[in-house]
Protein backbone atom coordinates (compact mmCIF):
# COMPACT_ATOMS: atom_id res chain seq x y z
CA MET A 1 -136.04 -30.36 -30.32
CA LYS A 2 -137.21 -26.94 -31.31
CA ARG A 3 -134.82 -24.29 -30.05
CA ASN A 4 -134.68 -20.52 -30.60
CA PHE A 5 -131.60 -18.48 -29.68
CA VAL A 6 -131.58 -14.73 -29.01
CA VAL A 7 -128.86 -12.48 -27.57
CA LEU A 8 -129.25 -9.19 -25.71
CA THR A 9 -126.71 -6.71 -24.48
CA ALA A 10 -126.08 -6.56 -20.77
CA ALA A 11 -126.30 -2.78 -20.99
CA PHE A 12 -129.76 -2.95 -22.52
CA LEU A 13 -130.96 -5.23 -19.73
CA MET A 14 -129.38 -2.86 -17.21
CA ALA A 15 -131.20 0.10 -18.74
CA ALA A 16 -134.57 -1.56 -18.53
CA PHE A 17 -133.81 -2.88 -15.04
CA LEU A 18 -132.97 0.58 -13.71
CA LEU A 19 -135.81 2.39 -15.43
CA GLY A 20 -138.38 -0.08 -14.21
CA ARG A 21 -140.02 -0.74 -17.57
CA SER A 22 -141.23 -4.28 -18.05
CA ASP A 23 -141.86 -3.78 -21.77
CA VAL A 24 -138.18 -3.09 -22.42
CA LEU A 25 -137.06 -6.36 -20.91
CA THR A 26 -138.62 -8.56 -23.57
CA VAL A 27 -136.16 -11.39 -23.92
CA LEU A 28 -137.09 -14.45 -25.96
CA ALA A 29 -135.02 -17.22 -24.48
CA ASP A 30 -133.79 -20.35 -26.19
CA CYS A 31 -136.99 -22.05 -25.05
CA GLY A 32 -139.16 -19.72 -27.08
CA GLY A 33 -139.57 -16.92 -24.59
CA THR A 34 -140.03 -16.40 -20.90
CA GLY A 35 -142.48 -14.21 -19.06
CA VAL A 36 -141.74 -13.04 -15.55
CA ASP A 37 -144.13 -11.26 -13.23
CA MET A 38 -143.92 -12.58 -9.60
CA SER A 39 -146.61 -15.24 -9.47
CA GLY A 40 -143.91 -17.84 -9.43
CA ALA A 41 -142.71 -20.29 -12.00
CA THR A 42 -144.15 -23.18 -13.97
CA CYS A 43 -142.33 -25.42 -16.41
CA SER A 44 -144.44 -27.07 -19.12
CA GLN A 45 -143.51 -29.12 -22.13
CA SER A 46 -146.27 -29.78 -24.59
CA GLY A 47 -147.14 -31.38 -27.91
CA SER A 48 -149.69 -33.46 -29.75
CA THR A 49 -148.80 -36.88 -28.35
CA PRO A 50 -149.27 -36.81 -24.58
CA GLY A 51 -148.27 -40.44 -24.02
CA THR A 52 -149.01 -42.17 -20.74
CA PRO A 53 -150.17 -39.71 -18.06
CA GLY A 54 -147.80 -39.20 -15.14
CA ASP A 55 -148.14 -37.78 -11.67
CA SER A 56 -147.68 -34.23 -10.48
CA SER A 57 -146.65 -32.81 -7.16
CA THR A 58 -145.96 -29.56 -5.37
CA GLU A 59 -143.65 -29.36 -2.39
CA THR A 60 -142.69 -26.52 -0.10
CA GLY A 61 -140.32 -26.21 2.82
CA ASN A 62 -138.75 -23.77 5.22
CA GLY A 63 -135.13 -22.64 5.13
CA GLN A 64 -132.51 -23.51 7.68
CA PRO A 65 -131.23 -21.21 10.44
CA GLY A 66 -128.09 -19.19 9.83
CA ASN A 67 -126.55 -16.10 11.48
CA SER A 68 -127.94 -12.85 12.82
CA GLY A 69 -128.05 -9.27 11.53
CA ASN A 70 -128.27 -5.66 12.61
CA SER A 71 -130.19 -2.50 11.88
CA ASN A 72 -129.32 1.06 11.06
CA SER A 73 -132.13 3.50 11.70
CA ASN A 74 -133.33 6.46 13.68
CA ASN A 75 -134.64 4.07 16.31
CA THR A 76 -132.71 2.32 19.05
CA SER A 77 -131.41 -1.00 17.79
CA ASN A 78 -129.38 -3.80 19.37
CA ASN A 79 -128.02 -6.68 17.33
CA ASN A 80 -127.82 -9.97 19.17
CA GLY A 81 -125.66 -11.55 16.45
CA ASP A 82 -122.92 -10.38 14.18
CA GLY A 83 -122.58 -9.03 10.67
CA GLY A 84 -125.46 -7.74 8.63
CA ALA A 85 -125.97 -4.70 6.45
CA THR A 86 -128.73 -2.19 5.93
CA CYS A 87 -129.83 0.55 3.61
CA THR A 88 -132.42 3.27 4.08
CA PRO A 89 -134.78 4.37 1.30
CA GLY A 90 -134.14 7.98 0.30
CA THR A 91 -130.36 7.74 0.00
CA LEU A 92 -129.50 9.13 -3.45
CA VAL A 93 -126.62 8.03 -5.65
CA SER A 94 -125.51 8.88 -9.19
CA SER A 95 -125.43 6.11 -11.76
CA SER A 96 -125.92 5.58 -15.49
CA ILE A 97 -127.99 3.56 -17.96
CA THR A 98 -127.28 2.60 -21.56
CA LEU A 99 -129.90 2.92 -24.31
CA SER A 100 -129.90 2.09 -28.01
CA ALA A 101 -129.25 4.99 -30.43
CA GLY A 102 -130.83 4.80 -33.89
CA THR A 103 -131.66 6.87 -36.92
CA SER A 104 -134.89 8.17 -35.40
CA GLY A 105 -133.38 8.94 -32.01
CA ILE A 106 -132.72 7.19 -28.72
CA THR A 107 -135.03 4.38 -27.67
CA GLY A 108 -136.44 5.13 -24.21
CA SER A 109 -137.22 2.60 -21.51
CA ASP A 110 -140.86 2.36 -22.59
CA GLY A 111 -140.00 1.81 -26.25
CA SER A 112 -140.74 5.41 -27.23
CA ILE A 113 -138.29 7.35 -29.39
CA ILE A 114 -136.55 10.43 -27.99
CA PRO A 115 -135.74 12.59 -31.06
CA VAL A 116 -132.10 13.53 -31.56
CA ASN A 117 -130.87 15.61 -34.51
CA ALA A 118 -127.21 14.54 -34.46
CA TYR A 119 -124.77 12.20 -32.75
CA GLY A 120 -121.22 12.69 -31.57
CA LEU A 121 -119.19 9.59 -32.47
CA PRO A 122 -116.30 8.05 -30.48
CA ASP A 123 -113.71 9.47 -32.93
CA GLY A 124 -114.89 13.03 -32.23
CA SER A 125 -116.83 13.51 -35.46
CA PHE A 126 -120.51 14.37 -35.73
CA VAL A 127 -123.17 12.86 -37.98
CA SER A 128 -126.85 13.50 -38.49
CA SER A 129 -129.15 11.07 -36.78
CA ASP A 130 -130.03 9.28 -40.03
CA SER A 131 -126.33 8.48 -40.57
CA VAL A 132 -125.52 6.99 -37.20
CA PRO A 133 -123.55 3.68 -37.46
CA PRO A 134 -125.25 0.49 -36.26
CA SER A 135 -124.88 -0.86 -32.70
CA MET A 136 -124.40 2.54 -31.06
CA CYS A 137 -125.65 3.33 -27.55
CA TYR A 138 -126.21 6.45 -25.45
CA THR A 139 -125.18 6.44 -21.77
CA ALA A 140 -127.50 8.57 -19.65
CA ALA A 141 -126.67 9.94 -16.22
CA VAL A 142 -129.33 9.11 -13.62
CA THR A 143 -130.06 9.79 -9.97
CA MET A 144 -131.45 6.80 -8.13
CA ASP A 145 -132.40 5.61 -4.68
CA SER A 146 -129.50 3.38 -3.60
CA CYS A 147 -131.80 1.22 -1.48
CA THR A 148 -134.81 0.70 -3.74
CA GLY A 149 -133.22 1.20 -7.15
CA GLN A 150 -135.92 3.70 -8.13
CA ILE A 151 -134.88 6.21 -10.80
CA LEU A 152 -135.63 9.72 -9.53
CA GLY A 153 -134.20 11.78 -12.39
CA SER A 154 -132.00 11.58 -15.49
CA ASP A 155 -130.72 13.68 -18.39
CA LEU A 156 -133.17 11.78 -20.62
CA ASP A 157 -135.67 14.47 -19.65
CA TYR A 158 -133.58 17.04 -21.55
CA ILE A 159 -131.91 15.03 -24.29
CA SER A 160 -134.32 16.09 -27.06
CA GLY A 161 -132.97 19.63 -26.65
CA PHE A 162 -129.33 18.60 -27.12
CA ALA A 163 -127.58 19.74 -30.31
CA ALA A 164 -125.94 16.32 -30.40
CA ALA A 165 -125.85 13.27 -28.16
CA SER A 166 -122.53 11.50 -27.64
CA VAL A 167 -122.69 7.78 -28.37
CA ASN A 168 -120.36 4.79 -28.18
CA GLU A 169 -120.46 1.20 -29.34
CA CYS A 170 -122.94 -0.89 -27.39
CA PRO A 171 -121.49 -3.48 -24.99
CA THR A 172 -120.87 -6.95 -26.36
CA ALA A 173 -123.90 -9.22 -26.45
CA TYR A 174 -123.94 -12.55 -24.65
CA ASP A 175 -125.67 -15.87 -25.24
CA LEU A 176 -128.59 -16.84 -23.07
CA PRO A 177 -128.27 -20.18 -21.26
CA ASP A 178 -130.00 -23.27 -22.60
CA HIS A 179 -132.80 -24.89 -20.61
CA PRO A 180 -135.60 -27.40 -21.24
CA CYS A 181 -138.40 -24.84 -21.49
CA ASP A 182 -139.71 -22.96 -24.52
CA ASP A 183 -141.69 -20.41 -22.52
CA PHE A 184 -140.84 -19.49 -18.94
CA VAL A 185 -143.26 -17.45 -16.83
CA VAL A 186 -142.73 -16.03 -13.35
CA SER A 187 -145.68 -14.49 -11.53
CA ASP A 188 -147.08 -13.97 -8.03
CA GLY A 189 -148.36 -17.55 -7.84
CA GLY A 190 -145.18 -19.41 -8.73
CA VAL A 191 -142.87 -20.25 -11.63
CA THR A 192 -144.17 -21.60 -14.95
CA CYS A 193 -142.18 -22.97 -17.88
CA VAL A 194 -143.92 -24.03 -21.12
CA SER A 195 -142.07 -26.00 -23.78
CA ASP A 196 -142.94 -27.52 -27.17
CA LEU A 197 -140.49 -30.32 -27.92
CA VAL A 198 -140.66 -31.55 -31.52
CA ASP A 199 -138.45 -34.31 -32.87
CA GLY A 200 -138.23 -32.84 -36.38
CA SER A 201 -139.72 -35.88 -38.15
CA SER A 202 -142.29 -35.56 -40.89
CA SER A 203 -145.00 -36.73 -38.52
CA GLY A 204 -144.09 -33.92 -36.13
CA SER A 205 -144.59 -36.13 -33.08
CA SER A 206 -144.35 -34.35 -29.76
CA TRP A 207 -145.42 -34.75 -26.16
CA GLU A 208 -146.70 -32.76 -23.24
CA ILE A 209 -145.49 -32.43 -19.67
CA SER A 210 -145.96 -29.64 -17.14
CA ALA A 211 -144.80 -28.65 -13.67
CA HIS A 212 -145.44 -25.72 -11.33
CA ALA A 213 -143.61 -24.49 -8.23
CA PRO A 214 -145.04 -21.80 -5.93
CA TRP A 215 -142.89 -19.14 -4.33
CA PRO A 216 -141.44 -20.31 -1.00
CA GLY A 217 -142.54 -18.55 2.15
CA ILE A 218 -140.06 -16.59 4.23
CA GLU A 219 -140.69 -17.44 7.90
CA ILE A 220 -140.46 -14.64 10.46
CA HIS A 221 -140.58 -15.03 14.27
CA ALA A 222 -141.64 -11.96 16.25
CA ARG A 223 -142.43 -10.76 19.77
CA PRO A 224 -144.40 -9.03 21.01
CA PHE A 225 -146.71 -9.45 18.05
CA PRO A 226 -148.96 -8.19 16.51
CA VAL A 227 -148.57 -5.11 18.75
CA THR A 228 -145.57 -3.79 20.67
CA LEU A 229 -144.83 -0.62 22.64
CA VAL A 230 -142.79 2.48 21.93
CA ASP A 231 -139.24 2.17 23.34
CA TRP A 232 -139.90 -1.45 24.27
CA ASP A 233 -137.47 -4.20 23.27
CA THR A 234 -139.02 -5.78 20.19
CA VAL A 235 -137.49 -8.98 18.86
CA MET A 236 -137.63 -10.78 15.53
CA ARG A 237 -135.65 -13.24 13.47
CA VAL A 238 -135.82 -14.63 9.97
CA ALA A 239 -136.16 -18.35 10.61
CA GLY A 240 -135.64 -19.39 7.00
CA ASN A 241 -136.07 -18.31 3.39
CA GLY A 242 -137.69 -21.58 2.43
CA SER A 243 -137.67 -23.51 -0.84
CA SER A 244 -140.31 -25.05 -3.06
CA SER A 245 -140.56 -27.52 -5.90
CA GLY A 246 -143.06 -29.05 -8.27
CA SER A 247 -142.88 -31.84 -10.80
CA ASP A 248 -144.84 -33.75 -13.41
CA SER A 249 -144.10 -36.95 -15.27
CA LEU A 250 -144.86 -38.69 -18.54
CA GLY A 251 -144.76 -42.43 -18.97
CA TYR A 252 -143.68 -42.60 -22.62
CA ALA A 253 -142.62 -40.25 -25.42
CA PRO A 254 -142.40 -42.08 -28.80
CA TRP A 255 -139.66 -39.93 -30.32
CA GLY A 256 -138.39 -42.78 -32.50
CA GLY A 257 -141.84 -44.04 -33.49
CA GLY A 258 -142.00 -47.06 -31.20
CA ASN A 259 -144.17 -47.91 -28.21
CA GLN A 260 -143.72 -49.30 -24.73
CA GLY A 261 -143.99 -52.89 -25.95
CA ASN A 262 -141.64 -52.35 -28.87
CA PRO A 263 -139.42 -49.31 -28.30
CA ALA A 264 -137.57 -47.68 -31.17
CA PRO A 265 -134.18 -45.93 -31.01
CA GLY A 266 -134.65 -42.46 -29.54
CA ASP A 267 -137.88 -43.21 -27.65
CA TRP A 268 -138.12 -41.76 -24.12
CA SER A 269 -139.69 -43.33 -21.05
CA ASN A 270 -140.23 -42.27 -17.43
CA VAL A 271 -139.89 -38.61 -18.34
CA ARG A 272 -139.93 -36.26 -15.36
CA LEU A 273 -139.86 -32.48 -15.33
CA ARG A 274 -139.06 -30.76 -12.05
CA LEU A 275 -138.84 -27.13 -10.92
CA ASP A 276 -136.99 -26.06 -7.78
CA ILE A 277 -136.97 -22.56 -6.30
CA LYS A 278 -134.12 -22.14 -3.84
CA SER A 279 -132.71 -19.20 -1.91
CA VAL A 280 -129.16 -18.31 -2.94
CA THR A 281 -128.19 -16.45 0.26
CA ASP A 282 -128.17 -17.02 4.03
CA TRP A 283 -129.85 -13.67 4.68
CA ALA A 284 -133.08 -11.83 3.91
CA ASP A 285 -133.90 -8.13 3.60
CA VAL A 286 -136.51 -6.95 6.11
CA PHE A 287 -138.16 -3.56 5.65
CA LEU A 288 -139.81 -2.19 8.79
CA GLU A 289 -141.84 0.96 8.26
CA ASN A 290 -140.43 3.93 10.22
CA ILE A 291 -137.17 2.00 10.74
CA GLY A 292 -135.78 1.09 7.33
CA LEU A 293 -134.32 -1.83 5.45
CA ILE A 294 -132.31 -4.39 7.44
CA ARG A 295 -130.22 -7.13 5.81
CA MET A 296 -130.75 -9.83 8.40
CA PRO A 297 -128.76 -13.10 8.39
CA ILE A 298 -130.93 -16.08 9.15
CA GLY A 299 -131.54 -17.70 12.49
CA HIS A 300 -130.46 -15.26 15.23
CA LEU A 301 -132.60 -12.90 17.28
CA HIS A 302 -132.56 -9.22 16.36
CA THR A 303 -133.62 -6.71 19.04
CA PHE A 304 -134.73 -3.15 18.32
CA GLN A 305 -137.12 -0.45 19.52
CA TRP A 306 -139.66 1.68 17.70
CA ASN A 307 -139.55 5.34 18.76
CA LEU A 308 -142.93 6.28 17.27
CA PRO A 309 -146.35 4.66 17.55
CA SER A 310 -147.99 3.37 14.38
CA HIS A 311 -150.12 6.50 14.17
CA PRO A 312 -151.25 7.65 10.70
CA ALA A 313 -148.99 10.68 11.12
CA ALA A 314 -146.00 8.30 11.40
CA GLY A 315 -147.04 6.10 8.49
CA GLY A 316 -149.40 3.63 10.14
CA ASN A 317 -152.36 3.89 7.76
CA ASP A 318 -153.44 0.24 7.55
CA LEU A 319 -156.04 -0.70 10.17
CA SER A 320 -156.20 -4.06 11.93
CA GLY A 321 -159.84 -4.56 11.00
CA VAL A 322 -159.09 -4.01 7.31
CA VAL A 323 -156.05 -6.27 6.93
CA GLY A 324 -157.75 -9.13 8.79
CA GLN A 325 -156.38 -12.06 10.87
CA LEU A 326 -155.98 -9.77 13.90
CA GLU A 327 -159.13 -10.53 15.83
CA GLU A 328 -157.26 -10.06 19.12
CA LEU A 329 -157.02 -6.31 18.36
CA GLU A 330 -159.62 -3.60 18.13
CA PRO A 331 -160.46 -3.09 14.43
CA ASP A 332 -159.22 0.53 14.37
CA VAL A 333 -155.60 -0.09 15.48
CA PRO A 334 -153.19 1.57 12.98
CA LEU A 335 -150.41 -0.73 11.79
CA TYR A 336 -147.01 -0.35 10.17
CA ALA A 337 -146.82 -2.14 6.79
CA ASN A 338 -143.63 -4.18 6.37
CA TRP A 339 -142.16 -6.54 3.78
CA THR A 340 -139.44 -9.15 3.53
CA ARG A 341 -137.53 -10.38 0.51
CA ALA A 342 -134.79 -12.88 -0.32
CA PRO A 343 -133.06 -13.69 -3.63
CA TYR A 344 -134.05 -16.97 -5.26
CA MET A 345 -132.93 -18.95 -8.28
CA VAL A 346 -135.15 -21.27 -10.30
CA TYR A 347 -133.72 -24.61 -11.41
CA CYS A 348 -135.36 -26.76 -14.08
CA THR A 349 -134.54 -30.47 -14.33
CA LEU A 350 -135.44 -32.80 -17.18
CA ASP A 351 -134.92 -36.46 -16.30
CA TYR A 352 -135.68 -39.35 -18.70
CA TYR A 353 -134.58 -42.73 -20.09
CA GLU A 354 -133.76 -43.08 -23.79
CA TRP A 355 -133.87 -46.33 -25.75
CA GLY A 356 -130.48 -46.84 -27.36
CA SER A 357 -127.56 -49.17 -27.80
CA SER A 358 -123.93 -49.41 -26.77
CA CYS A 359 -121.10 -51.49 -28.15
CA VAL A 360 -119.92 -54.27 -25.83
CA ASP A 361 -116.74 -56.29 -26.35
CA GLY A 362 -117.11 -59.79 -27.68
CA PRO A 363 -119.91 -61.60 -29.51
CA ASP A 364 -123.53 -61.74 -28.40
CA GLY A 365 -125.31 -64.89 -27.23
CA ASP A 366 -125.58 -66.15 -30.80
CA GLY A 367 -121.88 -65.60 -31.39
CA SER A 368 -122.43 -62.59 -33.64
CA THR A 369 -120.47 -59.36 -33.73
CA ASN A 370 -121.62 -56.12 -35.38
CA CYS A 371 -119.61 -53.17 -33.99
CA ARG A 372 -116.06 -51.96 -33.21
CA TRP A 373 -114.27 -52.79 -36.43
CA ASN A 374 -110.70 -54.05 -36.11
CA GLU A 375 -108.60 -53.34 -39.19
CA SER A 376 -105.92 -55.94 -38.43
CA LEU A 377 -108.48 -58.69 -37.86
CA ASP A 378 -110.71 -57.46 -40.69
CA ALA A 379 -113.68 -58.13 -38.43
CA TYR A 380 -115.96 -56.67 -35.80
CA THR A 381 -114.93 -57.37 -32.20
CA GLY A 382 -118.06 -56.30 -30.33
CA HIS A 383 -121.82 -56.51 -30.36
CA ARG A 384 -124.58 -54.00 -29.64
CA GLU A 385 -126.77 -54.30 -26.59
CA TRP A 386 -130.00 -52.32 -26.39
CA GLY A 387 -131.52 -50.83 -23.28
CA TRP A 388 -132.75 -47.73 -21.50
CA GLU A 389 -130.04 -45.13 -20.82
CA HIS A 390 -130.62 -42.58 -18.09
CA HIS A 391 -130.26 -38.84 -18.85
CA SER A 392 -130.69 -35.89 -16.49
CA GLN A 393 -130.07 -32.18 -16.96
CA THR A 394 -130.50 -29.44 -14.35
CA VAL A 395 -130.05 -25.81 -15.35
CA PRO A 396 -130.66 -22.51 -13.55
CA ILE A 397 -133.03 -20.08 -15.26
CA PRO A 398 -132.04 -16.50 -14.38
CA PRO A 399 -134.00 -13.38 -15.41
CA THR A 400 -131.70 -12.98 -18.45
CA ALA A 401 -133.22 -16.19 -19.84
CA ALA A 402 -136.74 -14.83 -19.43
CA ARG A 403 -139.19 -12.35 -20.86
CA VAL A 404 -139.49 -10.12 -17.80
CA ASP A 405 -142.95 -8.69 -17.11
CA LEU A 406 -142.55 -7.48 -13.53
CA PRO A 407 -141.09 -4.36 -11.90
CA PRO A 408 -137.28 -4.30 -11.76
CA SER A 409 -137.57 -3.99 -7.98
CA ARG A 410 -138.51 -7.69 -8.01
CA LEU A 411 -135.26 -8.71 -9.74
CA ALA A 412 -132.01 -9.05 -7.80
CA ASP A 413 -128.61 -7.87 -9.06
CA LEU A 414 -126.41 -9.67 -6.55
CA ASN A 415 -123.01 -8.97 -8.14
CA GLY A 416 -123.71 -5.30 -8.88
CA ASP A 417 -123.00 -5.47 -12.63
CA GLY A 418 -126.32 -3.90 -13.61
CA VAL A 419 -127.82 -7.19 -14.86
CA PRO A 420 -130.41 -9.02 -12.70
CA ASP A 421 -129.20 -12.50 -11.80
CA ALA A 422 -131.86 -13.76 -9.34
CA TYR A 423 -135.48 -13.19 -8.34
CA TRP A 424 -136.65 -11.38 -5.20
CA GLY A 425 -139.21 -13.56 -3.43
CA GLY A 426 -141.32 -11.86 -0.81
CA THR A 427 -144.16 -14.02 0.54
CA SER A 428 -143.95 -13.82 4.35
CA THR A 429 -145.36 -15.90 7.19
CA VAL A 430 -145.13 -14.51 10.73
CA ARG A 431 -145.11 -16.79 13.78
CA ARG A 432 -145.45 -15.31 17.24
CA MET A 433 -142.79 -16.34 19.77
CA ASP A 434 -142.57 -16.13 23.54
CA ASP A 435 -139.88 -14.52 25.71
CA ALA A 436 -137.77 -17.69 25.39
CA GLY A 437 -137.74 -17.40 21.59
CA ARG A 438 -140.07 -20.38 21.13
CA VAL A 439 -142.89 -20.45 18.57
CA ASP A 440 -144.45 -23.69 19.85
CA ASN A 441 -145.55 -22.35 23.25
CA PRO A 442 -149.34 -22.91 23.18
CA GLU A 443 -149.89 -19.76 25.24
CA TRP A 444 -148.53 -17.58 22.42
CA ALA A 445 -148.26 -19.73 19.30
CA HIS A 446 -150.06 -18.22 16.33
CA THR A 447 -149.33 -17.82 12.62
CA TYR A 448 -150.18 -14.92 10.32
CA SER A 449 -149.76 -14.54 6.58
CA TRP A 450 -150.90 -11.73 4.28
CA GLY A 451 -148.66 -12.48 1.32
CA TYR A 452 -146.17 -9.81 0.32
CA TRP A 453 -146.97 -7.31 3.11
CA TRP A 454 -147.10 -8.06 6.82
CA TYR A 455 -148.13 -5.80 9.68
CA TRP A 456 -147.01 -4.71 13.13
CA GLY A 457 -148.69 -2.29 15.51
CA VAL A 458 -146.83 0.05 17.88
CA ARG A 459 -148.57 1.79 20.80
CA GLU A 460 -147.64 4.20 23.55
CA ALA A 461 -146.97 2.34 26.80
CA GLN A 462 -149.70 4.12 28.84
CA GLY A 463 -148.60 2.51 32.11
CA GLN A 464 -148.80 -1.09 30.90
CA ILE A 465 -146.11 -2.14 33.41
CA GLY A 466 -144.71 -5.60 32.82
CA TRP A 467 -146.40 -6.07 29.49
CA PRO A 468 -145.71 -8.02 27.40
CA GLY A 469 -144.83 -11.18 29.27
CA ILE A 470 -145.78 -14.80 29.02
CA PRO A 471 -149.43 -15.11 30.04
CA VAL A 472 -150.13 -16.76 33.37
CA ASP A 473 -153.21 -18.58 34.52
CA PRO A 474 -155.48 -16.44 36.75
């Protein structure tokens, strides 16, 4: 099989992650390269000998209930469960990023060169920029939003005026994990992995197989929805982060040069490629405009109150008639724009049967032996039996095994080491629930989905006593 191996420093990935430059995070993985942009993931394996066509499928599902969460905001909030964490955009923290230092200067996040005349080395000496040792890096101080990860300022803006920039050896590189795909692409529509598998023979035989998995939908239950009132108890829960999968199959891959009627050693049959996108946490982050970001464990009701209507002066600029799906409202109702995200991992599975042999004790049906030599007997004591042997490999494909072409805000760093280790998925589906927390009540049941953003209107009460309640027949 064709395989390419590339290593990158964790610090370099961290630098590109923090600065938000997709062109810096160009990582060619062992499967030839991976592109990531938030349309999801697809895994393909291709070549010149397709073999017998197989089937393909795409499956999606909702997550399972978990615990509840809480909110921290300027609005009144009551948590009906326990635990949870929150952060509010605009909270600044100091951090650092590490960039490569070379003879021409320091390589910025967009690939541009920031000129530097001299470098200060770890031993305290100074050298001109054209004499800098290899594998040196510059650590830049940055100010960032602790909630969103957005870089708001750094000393990179002034570095070209420094007499010398202090550098140190770059962090140790690490190997990227192996997986069945030669090219892995993540975009808004799903996850895509493309692979060319070649057996290395003179004929260059190869085969093609492809699979695609869309991003799972995060299910939200809300009431009252799509409009609530100022200072009114408003309730929501994340019902599940969901999962999705897709697969494709190939009947036969003649690696050894045989065919289905006369297989050769090394031939593959019943080849199946499968992608699974699964949430790796029992919580989701919910951003509510004018309230903030809430880390909400799955499954329990969360009660809060908005203290401002969704007026344009408070941030409600999207109108019900423009976003669509809200025919029950007047078209000029301002809405708060919200989003939800959860961290996901992509798993790629290659499952197949390979034609081969194993040595079995004793002679075959004809009394012959041809394997497992016994020195004392000066003879073979076993015989070879041929058949199809099952093989299956499942591997996770993190962002470090990908060519990343999406904003760093869509990559999750769950362990806080500066290297993204999961993908933020954000497609949301909202289901309206009644006062009993049910979403199957025909009086209220309705489903809305706009993709990444979802909307909620907030109005002044204006004497609407008793609203909202479960509708009653006149």
